[in-house]
Amino acid sequence: MNYGFVIDNRKCIGCHACTVACKSEHDVAIGVNRTHVKYIEKGVFPDASRSFSVHRCNHCEDAPCTTICPTSALYTRMDGIVDFDNDRCIGCKSCMQACPYDALYIDPNTNTAAKCNYCAHRVDGGYEPACVVICPTEAIISGDLDDAHSNISSFVAMENVVTRKAEKGTNPNLFYVEGDSDMLTPTNAERRDNYLWSEQASGVGHHAPAAAGLERTENQADLLVQMAIESHAQNGTQPDQRAIDKVLEEIKEEEKKATRRVYDSPAKGVLWGWEVPAYIWTKSVATGLLLVLALASWLGAAADTAVEFNGFIAAIVFMLFTGGLLVKDLDRPDRFLYVLLRPNWSSWLVRGGYLISVFGAAITAMLVDNYFDLGLRQLILNISAPIALLTAIYTAFLLAQAKGRDLWGSHLAPVHMLVHALIAGSAAWMFLDPNSPAIITLILKIAILANLTLITLEFVTPHATSDTQRAHHLMISGYYSRHFYLGIIMGNLVPIIMLYTLDTYFMVLVAAGLAAIGIFLTEFVRVRVPQLIPLS
């Protein structure tokens, strides 16, 4: 069996009966929906049209939410329904990042993930989902896609059906008859602040604070007219009404071709806030301390037992910060041990949790050898270095599992995180040792130059998808571009110039500190900006 949905857009009247029935059936909280109806309009009166589209979980055959979920709270049943278990969810929001269809939300009552589960309890009892029963025009068809005689199979076989974001490779089991690409492609209809229900695009209820800064556009006509009026006011003249009318006429012609949202789903905002880039940064410092030590040792740098002891203590402290930030970001921090005790091994969140644990053990072993002078330093260091490397870069693979955010799937991301670890680690050693070997400074210089090269490559190479292109555009011209440029200039260009022109310990220390701050700013922008792009 393989259950799925067909939405017949020829019949949908946008009445929201499916949304209401779903809320009633599952007692869905205010401000979130398991199923919702999106409205878009094209043209201007009297040549205008409105379309409706029902959005919900696509019950994908290759569901990315089940892959990334660290505790198997999300799972695919034998009948193809993607269901969830509240009792296992830790509220990490990874599933929400992985879903390309924006189908999941955090229930404000339980702080766990939820979504359309095909009314599995009704299906098990031989009934159809509540939305199918309530739809007054029978625009929603459900059934077994593997049954050639079922109504849904006939629709899929005989009608011209489309799916959302087929390029993601998730094999969704939600099909649309006469699906409008402008309706099904989120970025084709801009978010604006001036339509009747536009407050939903700014977040509703418990999502409102997180939605601050979401990408939205103003009404172009109002904006241009206001700019013209302000410009004339500054010059002490009256605005030229004929010029304004001409601008409005040009805008009106453009509006005829434009696609506009007029009813939206409640925005979820930025799901992973400052804690995630902060944990990536603290992890870079901890793993970088060991990686740089290993490199310096392999290149023949002399060991200083006292300085190394302080370095191991610092690494442990930063790993504790890393763990604390990870737990803080969970909506159910009381369940953080589920990652280790109820693991889903396909999730890089689980693999990363174990890597962090093993890395902590490796650092502890280095500390014990240093304190008791066991003579095993080089052996433990050689074993620990690969563990530090994997711990430094595993987050890149976790982000790549988040298929909803295209920018995070960059093949350069693991190398980027390794370079960041080398920058952070060499900077940390400089703070710990006023007489740090020249090789440490050399590693920092090379790492900063490599970081600049990687950033350049990321922007000059062709973009794989339109969302990646959009994210890069926001990075260099959006609200967070100030952080991005500050990270490049203050965190890379200034330090590299200082390192090559100034050789006093204080100035080298300043350069190292700026470089460390720069990688945090870079990670902050890379984590935050892709979350500003709408998925529905």
Protein backbone atom coordinates (compact mmCIF):
# COMPACT_ATOMS: atom_id res chain seq x y z
CA MET A 1 0.00 0.00 0.00
CA ASN A 2 1.07 3.54 -0.67
CA TYR A 3 -1.36 6.24 0.43
CA GLY A 4 -1.39 9.63 -1.27
CA PHE A 5 -3.48 12.69 -2.09
CA VAL A 6 -4.67 14.38 -5.26
CA ILE A 7 -5.75 18.04 -5.10
CA ASP A 8 -8.02 18.92 -8.01
CA ASN A 9 -7.48 22.65 -8.48
CA ARG A 10 -10.35 22.77 -10.97
CA LYS A 11 -12.74 22.18 -8.08
CA CYS A 12 -11.06 23.91 -5.11
CA ILE A 13 -12.98 27.05 -4.07
CA GLY A 14 -10.64 28.14 -1.25
CA CYS A 15 -13.24 27.67 1.47
CA HIS A 16 -10.78 26.45 4.14
CA ALA A 17 -13.10 23.60 5.15
CA CYS A 18 -10.13 21.23 5.00
CA THR A 19 -8.11 23.45 7.34
CA VAL A 20 -10.95 23.71 9.83
CA ALA A 21 -11.72 19.98 9.71
CA CYS A 22 -8.07 19.17 10.29
CA LYS A 23 -7.85 21.57 13.23
CA SER A 24 -10.98 20.06 14.77
CA GLU A 25 -9.91 16.45 14.19
CA HIS A 26 -6.45 16.92 15.73
CA ASP A 27 -7.07 19.83 18.11
CA VAL A 28 -4.43 21.89 16.27
CA ALA A 29 -3.29 24.99 18.17
CA ILE A 30 -3.99 28.55 17.05
CA GLY A 31 -1.31 29.99 14.77
CA VAL A 32 -0.28 26.69 13.15
CA ASN A 33 -1.89 24.42 10.55
CA ARG A 34 -1.45 20.87 9.35
CA THR A 35 -3.19 21.79 6.12
CA HIS A 36 -3.72 25.28 4.76
CA VAL A 37 -4.98 27.06 1.66
CA LYS A 38 -2.85 29.56 -0.18
CA TYR A 39 -4.35 32.26 -2.46
CA ILE A 40 -2.56 34.02 -5.30
CA GLU A 41 -3.83 36.61 -7.76
CA LYS A 42 -2.66 37.65 -11.21
CA GLY A 43 -3.43 40.76 -13.23
CA VAL A 44 -5.39 43.83 -12.17
CA PHE A 45 -9.11 44.62 -12.16
CA PRO A 46 -11.05 43.90 -14.30
CA ASP A 47 -8.61 41.37 -15.83
CA ALA A 48 -7.69 39.61 -12.62
CA SER A 49 -7.75 35.95 -11.57
CA ARG A 50 -7.44 34.19 -8.23
CA SER A 51 -6.15 30.65 -7.64
CA PHE A 52 -6.23 28.40 -4.58
CA SER A 53 -3.88 25.64 -3.54
CA VAL A 54 -4.05 23.25 -0.60
CA HIS A 55 -0.66 22.65 1.04
CA ARG A 56 0.25 19.96 3.57
CA CYS A 57 2.65 17.06 4.12
CA ASN A 58 3.44 15.34 0.81
CA HIS A 59 4.03 11.92 2.45
CA CYS A 60 7.16 11.50 0.38
CA GLU A 61 8.47 8.06 -0.50
CA ASP A 62 11.96 9.32 0.31
CA ALA A 63 11.03 11.69 3.12
CA PRO A 64 14.01 13.86 4.19
CA CYS A 65 12.34 14.59 7.54
CA THR A 66 12.59 10.91 8.55
CA THR A 67 16.25 10.80 7.52
CA ILE A 68 17.35 13.82 9.53
CA CYS A 69 15.19 13.18 12.62
CA PRO A 70 17.68 12.08 15.31
CA THR A 71 15.23 10.00 17.36
CA SER A 72 12.97 8.46 14.66
CA ALA A 73 10.10 10.57 15.97
CA LEU A 74 9.19 10.88 12.30
CA TYR A 75 8.86 7.61 10.44
CA THR A 76 7.27 6.10 7.34
CA ARG A 77 4.63 3.47 7.96
CA MET A 78 4.27 0.33 5.87
CA ASP A 79 1.34 1.94 4.04
CA GLY A 80 3.42 4.98 2.96
CA ILE A 81 2.02 7.42 5.53
CA VAL A 82 4.71 9.59 7.15
CA ASP A 83 3.66 9.71 10.80
CA PHE A 84 5.19 11.11 13.98
CA ASP A 85 5.59 10.13 17.61
CA ASN A 86 5.31 13.01 20.10
CA ASP A 87 6.91 10.95 22.83
CA ARG A 88 10.23 10.69 20.97
CA CYS A 89 10.52 14.24 19.60
CA ILE A 90 13.19 16.49 21.15
CA GLY A 91 12.11 19.67 19.33
CA CYS A 92 15.37 20.10 17.40
CA LYS A 93 13.49 21.50 14.34
CA SER A 94 15.75 19.58 11.95
CA CYS A 95 12.71 18.06 10.26
CA MET A 96 11.34 21.54 9.57
CA GLN A 97 14.60 22.49 7.87
CA ALA A 98 14.66 19.25 5.88
CA CYS A 99 11.09 19.46 4.55
CA PRO A 100 11.06 21.31 1.20
CA TYR A 101 7.30 21.80 1.54
CA ASP A 102 7.11 23.67 4.86
CA ALA A 103 4.75 20.98 6.17
CA LEU A 104 5.95 20.72 9.77
CA TYR A 105 5.55 23.00 12.75
CA ILE A 106 6.31 23.00 16.48
CA ASP A 107 3.14 22.49 18.52
CA PRO A 108 3.09 25.32 21.10
CA ASN A 109 1.31 23.05 23.59
CA THR A 110 3.79 20.16 23.52
CA ASN A 111 6.90 21.83 22.03
CA THR A 112 7.21 18.88 19.66
CA ALA A 113 7.00 18.63 15.88
CA ALA A 114 3.67 17.89 14.22
CA LYS A 115 2.16 17.80 10.73
CA CYS A 116 -0.51 16.13 8.60
CA ASN A 117 -0.36 12.41 9.32
CA TYR A 118 -3.06 11.47 6.81
CA CYS A 119 -5.45 11.02 9.74
CA ALA A 120 -3.74 7.67 10.32
CA HIS A 121 -6.12 6.82 13.17
CA ARG A 122 -9.06 7.20 10.80
CA VAL A 123 -7.37 5.20 8.04
CA ASP A 124 -6.67 2.38 10.51
CA GLY A 125 -10.39 2.32 11.26
CA GLY A 126 -11.34 2.17 7.57
CA TYR A 127 -12.29 5.86 7.18
CA GLU A 128 -10.97 8.60 4.92
CA PRO A 129 -9.02 11.61 6.25
CA ALA A 130 -11.15 14.39 7.73
CA CYS A 131 -10.24 16.87 4.98
CA VAL A 132 -11.44 14.47 2.28
CA VAL A 133 -14.78 13.92 4.00
CA ILE A 134 -15.45 17.63 4.59
CA CYS A 135 -14.46 19.03 1.18
CA PRO A 136 -17.72 20.33 -0.36
CA THR A 137 -16.50 20.04 -3.97
CA GLU A 138 -14.61 16.74 -3.59
CA ALA A 139 -11.42 18.52 -4.62
CA ILE A 140 -9.32 16.29 -2.33
CA ILE A 141 -8.96 12.64 -3.33
CA SER A 142 -7.19 10.12 -1.12
CA GLY A 143 -6.40 6.45 -1.52
CA ASP A 144 -3.87 3.74 -2.32
CA LEU A 145 -1.61 4.71 -5.21
CA ASP A 146 -0.48 1.09 -5.57
CA ASP A 147 -4.05 -0.06 -6.21
CA ALA A 148 -4.60 0.28 -9.97
CA HIS A 149 -8.37 0.22 -9.46
CA SER A 150 -8.53 3.00 -6.88
CA ASN A 151 -9.98 6.40 -7.67
CA ILE A 152 -6.72 8.16 -6.91
CA SER A 153 -4.71 5.91 -9.24
CA SER A 154 -7.15 6.72 -12.05
CA PHE A 155 -6.67 10.44 -11.46
CA VAL A 156 -2.88 10.17 -11.47
CA ALA A 157 -2.92 7.99 -14.60
CA MET A 158 -5.47 9.93 -16.64
CA GLU A 159 -5.04 13.57 -15.58
CA ASN A 160 -2.13 15.90 -16.15
CA VAL A 161 -0.85 15.95 -12.56
CA VAL A 162 2.20 17.72 -11.13
CA THR A 163 4.03 17.63 -7.81
CA ARG A 164 5.79 20.34 -5.86
CA LYS A 165 9.58 20.55 -6.12
CA ALA A 166 10.06 17.25 -7.92
CA GLU A 167 13.72 18.21 -8.39
CA LYS A 168 14.31 17.52 -4.68
CA GLY A 169 14.07 13.78 -5.36
CA THR A 170 11.69 13.16 -2.46
CA ASN A 171 9.04 11.42 -4.65
CA PRO A 172 6.06 13.21 -3.07
CA ASN A 173 2.70 11.45 -2.92
CA LEU A 174 0.69 14.68 -3.17
CA PHE A 175 -0.40 15.43 -6.73
CA TYR A 176 -2.10 18.51 -8.20
CA VAL A 177 -4.47 18.56 -11.16
CA GLU A 178 -3.85 21.75 -13.13
CA GLY A 179 -1.22 22.82 -10.64
CA ASP A 180 -0.14 26.38 -11.36
CA SER A 181 3.65 26.73 -11.21
CA ASP A 182 3.26 30.24 -9.80
CA MET A 183 1.16 28.77 -7.00
CA LEU A 184 3.39 25.77 -6.30
CA THR A 185 6.73 27.62 -6.52
CA PRO A 186 7.02 29.69 -3.30
CA THR A 187 9.33 32.39 -4.64
CA ASN A 188 7.12 33.16 -7.67
CA ALA A 189 4.73 35.09 -5.43
CA GLU A 190 6.54 37.58 -3.22
CA ARG A 191 5.66 38.15 0.43
CA ARG A 192 4.30 41.66 0.91
CA ASP A 193 3.19 43.75 3.84
CA ASN A 194 0.10 45.35 2.36
CA TYR A 195 -2.53 42.72 1.60
CA LEU A 196 -5.54 41.89 3.73
CA TRP A 197 -4.07 38.95 5.65
CA SER A 198 -0.41 39.89 5.33
CA GLU A 199 0.11 39.70 9.10
CA GLN A 200 0.27 35.92 8.64
CA ALA A 201 3.47 36.40 6.61
CA SER A 202 4.92 38.08 9.69
CA GLY A 203 4.24 35.11 11.92
CA VAL A 204 1.26 34.27 14.08
CA GLY A 205 1.12 33.51 17.80
CA HIS A 206 4.25 31.84 19.13
CA HIS A 207 5.94 32.09 15.70
CA ALA A 208 5.73 35.89 15.56
CA PRO A 209 9.06 36.72 17.28
CA ALA A 210 10.98 34.25 15.09
CA ALA A 211 9.52 35.68 11.88
CA ALA A 212 11.23 39.04 12.29
CA GLY A 213 13.44 39.78 9.29
CA LEU A 214 11.72 37.40 6.87
CA GLU A 215 12.13 38.38 3.26
CA ARG A 216 9.19 40.50 2.19
CA THR A 217 8.60 43.18 -0.44
CA GLU A 218 6.77 46.48 -0.28
CA ASN A 219 4.12 47.55 -2.78
CA GLN A 220 6.30 48.92 -5.57
CA ALA A 221 3.91 51.65 -6.65
CA ASP A 222 3.45 53.05 -3.13
CA LEU A 223 7.19 52.89 -2.55
CA LEU A 224 8.11 54.77 -5.73
CA VAL A 225 5.47 57.45 -5.19
CA GLN A 226 6.61 57.96 -1.61
CA MET A 227 10.24 58.25 -2.79
CA ALA A 228 9.23 60.86 -5.38
CA ILE A 229 7.32 62.91 -2.80
CA GLU A 230 10.20 62.76 -0.29
CA SER A 231 12.71 63.73 -2.97
CA HIS A 232 10.72 66.82 -3.94
CA ALA A 233 10.14 67.72 -0.28
CA GLN A 234 13.89 67.72 0.32
CA ASN A 235 14.37 70.02 -2.66
CA GLY A 236 11.51 72.31 -1.57
CA THR A 237 9.47 71.66 -4.73
CA GLN A 238 6.10 70.12 -5.53
CA PRO A 239 6.07 66.61 -7.04
CA ASP A 240 5.35 66.42 -10.78
CA GLN A 241 1.96 64.68 -10.93
CA ARG A 242 2.46 63.75 -14.58
CA ALA A 243 5.74 62.01 -13.76
CA ILE A 244 4.06 60.17 -10.89
CA ASP A 245 1.18 59.13 -13.15
CA LYS A 246 3.66 57.81 -15.69
CA VAL A 247 5.44 55.76 -13.01
CA LEU A 248 2.10 54.40 -11.81
CA GLU A 249 1.11 53.44 -15.35
CA GLU A 250 4.37 51.57 -15.84
CA ILE A 251 3.92 49.82 -12.52
CA LYS A 252 0.34 48.91 -13.44
CA GLU A 253 1.53 47.24 -16.63
CA GLU A 254 4.05 45.26 -14.60
CA GLU A 255 1.38 44.34 -12.05
CA LYS A 256 -0.70 42.78 -14.81
CA LYS A 257 2.05 40.23 -15.30
CA ALA A 258 2.86 39.82 -11.61
CA THR A 259 1.82 37.05 -9.24
CA ARG A 260 0.74 38.20 -5.79
CA ARG A 261 0.02 36.41 -2.53
CA VAL A 262 -3.30 37.48 -1.09
CA TYR A 263 -3.68 34.79 1.57
CA ASP A 264 -0.71 33.11 3.14
CA SER A 265 0.15 30.36 5.56
CA PRO A 266 1.43 31.54 8.95
CA ALA A 267 5.18 32.07 8.69
CA LYS A 268 7.41 30.04 11.00
CA GLY A 269 10.30 32.48 10.84
CA VAL A 270 13.91 31.66 11.61
CA LEU A 271 13.91 28.22 13.19
CA TRP A 272 17.61 28.04 14.05
CA GLY A 273 18.65 31.27 15.73
CA TRP A 274 21.96 32.50 17.07
CA GLU A 275 22.56 29.30 19.06
CA VAL A 276 23.37 27.24 15.96
CA PRO A 277 26.12 29.50 14.50
CA ALA A 278 27.40 29.96 18.05
CA TYR A 279 27.68 26.20 18.57
CA ILE A 280 29.42 25.84 15.20
CA TRP A 281 31.88 28.51 16.33
CA THR A 282 32.59 27.03 19.76
CA LYS A 283 33.02 23.62 18.12
CA SER A 284 35.50 25.18 15.67
CA VAL A 285 37.58 26.52 18.55
CA ALA A 286 37.62 23.20 20.42
CA THR A 287 38.39 20.99 17.42
CA GLY A 288 40.75 23.58 15.94
CA LEU A 289 42.91 23.54 19.08
CA LEU A 290 43.60 19.83 18.56
CA LEU A 291 43.93 20.01 14.76
CA VAL A 292 46.42 22.88 14.89
CA LEU A 293 48.38 21.12 17.65
CA ALA A 294 48.54 17.97 15.51
CA LEU A 295 49.69 19.93 12.44
CA ALA A 296 52.35 21.79 14.44
CA SER A 297 53.56 18.54 15.97
CA TRP A 298 53.78 16.76 12.62
CA LEU A 299 55.73 19.73 11.23
CA GLY A 300 58.29 19.47 14.06
CA ALA A 301 57.20 22.22 16.45
CA ALA A 302 58.43 21.72 20.01
CA ALA A 303 55.88 20.82 22.69
CA ASP A 304 55.31 23.02 25.74
CA THR A 305 53.65 20.84 28.38
CA ALA A 306 52.18 23.69 30.42
CA VAL A 307 50.73 25.52 27.41
CA GLU A 308 49.30 22.28 25.99
CA PHE A 309 47.64 21.52 29.33
CA ASN A 310 45.89 24.90 29.19
CA GLY A 311 44.93 24.21 25.59
CA PHE A 312 43.27 20.91 26.52
CA ILE A 313 41.35 22.62 29.32
CA ALA A 314 40.21 25.30 26.85
CA ALA A 315 39.10 22.64 24.36
CA ILE A 316 37.02 20.89 27.02
CA VAL A 317 35.45 24.19 28.09
CA PHE A 318 34.50 25.08 24.52
CA MET A 319 33.05 21.60 23.96
CA LEU A 320 30.93 22.07 27.07
CA PHE A 321 29.70 25.36 25.61
CA THR A 322 28.97 23.51 22.37
CA GLY A 323 26.87 20.93 24.18
CA GLY A 324 25.08 23.61 26.19
CA LEU A 325 24.16 25.58 23.05
CA LEU A 326 22.88 22.43 21.35
CA VAL A 327 20.65 21.65 24.32
CA LYS A 328 19.46 25.27 24.59
CA ASP A 329 18.29 25.24 20.99
CA LEU A 330 16.00 22.26 21.62
CA ASP A 331 12.32 22.93 22.28
CA ARG A 332 12.37 19.87 24.55
CA PRO A 333 15.76 20.15 26.29
CA ASP A 334 14.60 17.65 28.91
CA ARG A 335 14.89 14.98 26.21
CA PHE A 336 18.38 15.80 24.88
CA LEU A 337 19.73 12.38 25.86
CA TYR A 338 17.31 10.77 23.39
CA VAL A 339 19.87 11.63 20.70
CA LEU A 340 22.24 9.09 22.25
CA LEU A 341 19.71 6.70 23.77
CA ARG A 342 17.14 6.50 20.93
CA PRO A 343 19.36 7.14 17.90
CA ASN A 344 18.37 7.21 14.25
CA TRP A 345 21.74 6.46 12.69
CA SER A 346 20.85 8.02 9.33
CA SER A 347 20.78 11.45 11.03
CA TRP A 348 23.99 13.44 11.18
CA LEU A 349 22.68 14.97 14.38
CA VAL A 350 23.10 11.55 16.00
CA ARG A 351 26.45 10.90 14.35
CA GLY A 352 27.57 14.34 15.45
CA GLY A 353 26.42 13.70 19.01
CA TYR A 354 28.56 10.59 19.20
CA LEU A 355 31.49 12.34 17.51
CA ILE A 356 31.34 15.10 20.11
CA SER A 357 31.31 12.47 22.87
CA VAL A 358 34.29 10.61 21.38
CA PHE A 359 36.14 13.87 20.80
CA GLY A 360 35.55 14.82 24.44
CA ALA A 361 37.05 11.47 25.46
CA ALA A 362 40.05 12.06 23.20
CA ILE A 363 40.72 15.50 24.70
CA THR A 364 40.38 14.02 28.18
CA ALA A 365 42.93 11.33 27.26
CA MET A 366 45.34 14.03 26.06
CA LEU A 367 44.82 15.93 29.31
CA VAL A 368 45.46 12.84 31.45
CA ASP A 369 48.62 11.97 29.49
CA ASN A 370 49.86 15.54 29.86
CA TYR A 371 49.16 15.69 33.59
CA PHE A 372 50.64 12.30 34.50
CA ASP A 373 53.38 12.37 31.82
CA LEU A 374 52.49 8.91 30.47
CA GLY A 375 54.55 9.36 27.31
CA LEU A 376 51.61 8.61 24.99
CA ARG A 377 51.20 12.15 23.66
CA GLN A 378 52.04 11.51 19.99
CA LEU A 379 50.08 8.26 19.82
CA ILE A 380 46.93 9.78 21.33
CA LEU A 381 47.37 12.91 19.18
CA ASN A 382 47.61 10.84 15.99
CA ILE A 383 44.43 8.95 16.93
CA SER A 384 42.59 12.09 18.05
CA ALA A 385 43.33 14.25 14.99
CA PRO A 386 40.95 12.38 12.61
CA ILE A 387 38.26 12.47 15.30
CA ALA A 388 38.75 16.24 15.62
CA LEU A 389 38.55 16.59 11.84
CA LEU A 390 35.22 14.73 11.63
CA THR A 391 33.84 16.64 14.61
CA ALA A 392 34.80 19.94 12.97
CA ILE A 393 33.02 19.22 9.68
CA TYR A 394 30.06 16.96 10.55
CA THR A 395 27.67 19.92 10.82
CA ALA A 396 28.16 20.49 7.07
CA PHE A 397 26.68 17.05 6.42
CA LEU A 398 23.84 17.74 8.85
CA LEU A 399 23.03 20.98 7.03
CA ALA A 400 23.15 19.12 3.71
CA GLN A 401 20.41 16.81 5.01
CA ALA A 402 18.19 19.90 5.36
CA LYS A 403 16.87 19.69 1.80
CA GLY A 404 14.58 22.66 2.34
CA ARG A 405 17.58 25.03 2.43
CA ASP A 406 19.50 24.79 -0.83
CA LEU A 407 22.48 26.94 0.17
CA TRP A 408 23.38 24.50 2.93
CA GLY A 409 23.93 21.74 0.38
CA SER A 410 27.14 23.34 -0.92
CA HIS A 411 29.93 20.84 -1.60
CA LEU A 412 32.39 23.40 -0.26
CA ALA A 413 30.76 23.46 3.19
CA PRO A 414 32.90 20.70 4.80
CA VAL A 415 36.10 22.37 3.58
CA HIS A 416 34.78 25.71 4.80
CA MET A 417 34.18 24.34 8.29
CA LEU A 418 37.62 22.72 8.37
CA VAL A 419 39.23 26.04 7.44
CA HIS A 420 37.19 27.78 10.13
CA ALA A 421 38.44 25.25 12.69
CA LEU A 422 42.05 25.96 11.67
CA ILE A 423 41.48 29.72 11.99
CA ALA A 424 39.79 29.39 15.37
CA GLY A 425 42.32 26.85 16.66
CA SER A 426 45.42 28.82 15.66
CA ALA A 427 43.88 32.03 17.06
CA ALA A 428 43.18 30.24 20.35
CA TRP A 429 46.75 28.95 20.62
CA MET A 430 48.06 32.48 20.09
CA PHE A 431 45.97 33.70 23.01
CA LEU A 432 47.21 30.82 25.17
CA ASP A 433 50.91 31.15 24.32
CA PRO A 434 52.67 34.51 23.89
CA ASN A 435 55.62 32.53 22.48
CA SER A 436 53.61 30.35 20.14
CA PRO A 437 55.69 28.76 17.36
CA ALA A 438 55.91 30.53 14.01
CA ILE A 439 54.13 27.56 12.46
CA ILE A 440 50.93 28.58 14.31
CA THR A 441 51.01 32.02 12.68
CA LEU A 442 51.68 30.40 9.31
CA ILE A 443 48.66 28.10 9.72
CA LEU A 444 46.48 31.11 10.55
CA LYS A 445 47.69 33.03 7.48
CA ILE A 446 47.09 30.08 5.14
CA ALA A 447 43.68 29.39 6.66
CA ILE A 448 42.51 33.01 6.25
CA LEU A 449 43.66 33.05 2.62
CA ALA A 450 41.89 29.70 2.05
CA ASN A 451 38.74 31.13 3.65
CA LEU A 452 38.75 34.11 1.30
CA THR A 453 39.29 31.77 -1.66
CA LEU A 454 36.35 29.58 -0.63
CA ILE A 455 34.04 32.59 -0.23
CA THR A 456 35.07 33.82 -3.69
CA LEU A 457 34.49 30.37 -5.23
CA GLU A 458 31.07 30.15 -3.64
CA PHE A 459 29.94 33.34 -5.35
CA VAL A 460 31.63 32.98 -8.76
CA THR A 461 30.64 29.36 -9.46
CA PRO A 462 27.21 28.77 -11.08
CA HIS A 463 24.31 28.45 -8.64
CA ALA A 464 22.68 25.02 -8.56
CA THR A 465 19.16 26.32 -7.86
CA SER A 466 17.19 29.56 -7.83
CA ASP A 467 16.96 29.39 -4.02
CA THR A 468 20.76 29.22 -3.79
CA GLN A 469 21.02 32.23 -6.10
CA ARG A 470 18.44 34.07 -4.02
CA ALA A 471 20.30 33.28 -0.79
CA HIS A 472 23.57 34.57 -2.23
CA HIS A 473 21.78 37.73 -3.36
CA LEU A 474 20.43 38.28 0.15
CA MET A 475 23.88 37.70 1.63
CA ILE A 476 25.41 40.50 -0.40
CA SER A 477 22.47 42.95 -0.62
CA GLY A 478 19.91 41.99 2.03
CA TYR A 479 19.51 43.00 5.66
CA TYR A 480 22.31 40.69 6.83
CA SER A 481 24.78 41.85 4.18
CA ARG A 482 26.29 44.18 6.80
CA HIS A 483 27.24 41.13 8.86
CA PHE A 484 28.59 39.37 5.78
CA TYR A 485 30.79 42.26 4.66
CA LEU A 486 31.94 42.89 8.22
CA GLY A 487 32.96 39.24 8.46
CA ILE A 488 34.97 39.48 5.23
CA ILE A 489 36.62 42.83 5.89
CA MET A 490 37.14 42.75 9.65
CA GLY A 491 37.52 38.99 9.94
CA ASN A 492 39.67 38.25 6.90
CA LEU A 493 41.13 41.20 5.00
CA VAL A 494 42.19 43.26 8.02
CA PRO A 495 43.75 40.29 9.89
CA ILE A 496 45.72 39.07 6.86
CA ILE A 497 47.12 42.57 6.25
CA MET A 498 48.05 42.89 9.93
CA LEU A 499 49.69 39.47 10.01
CA TYR A 500 51.88 40.30 7.01
CA THR A 501 52.78 43.87 8.04
CA LEU A 502 52.89 43.87 11.84
CA ASP A 503 54.91 41.49 13.99
CA THR A 504 54.33 42.67 17.56
CA TYR A 505 52.61 40.11 19.76
CA PHE A 506 49.78 42.48 20.66
CA MET A 507 48.92 43.26 17.03
CA VAL A 508 49.16 39.60 16.03
CA LEU A 509 46.79 38.84 18.90
CA VAL A 510 44.35 41.49 17.65
CA ALA A 511 44.51 39.98 14.16
CA ALA A 512 43.83 36.51 15.55
CA GLY A 513 40.86 37.79 17.57
CA LEU A 514 39.38 39.57 14.54
CA ALA A 515 39.76 36.42 12.44
CA ALA A 516 37.92 34.39 15.08
CA ILE A 517 35.08 36.95 15.20
CA GLY A 518 34.96 36.95 11.40
CA ILE A 519 34.24 33.23 11.14
CA PHE A 520 31.35 33.60 13.60
CA LEU A 521 29.84 36.36 11.47
CA THR A 522 30.25 34.23 8.35
CA GLU A 523 28.53 31.26 9.96
CA PHE A 524 25.79 33.49 11.37
CA VAL A 525 24.90 34.76 7.88
CA ARG A 526 25.19 31.32 6.24
CA VAL A 527 22.86 29.77 8.81
CA ARG A 528 20.33 32.58 8.98
CA VAL A 529 19.87 33.84 5.41
CA PRO A 530 18.59 30.60 3.78
CA GLN A 531 15.85 30.50 6.43
CA LEU A 532 14.49 33.82 5.12
CA ILE A 533 13.46 32.26 1.81
CA PRO A 534 9.86 30.96 1.84
CA LEU A 535 9.20 27.24 1.34
CA SER A 536 5.45 27.54 0.73
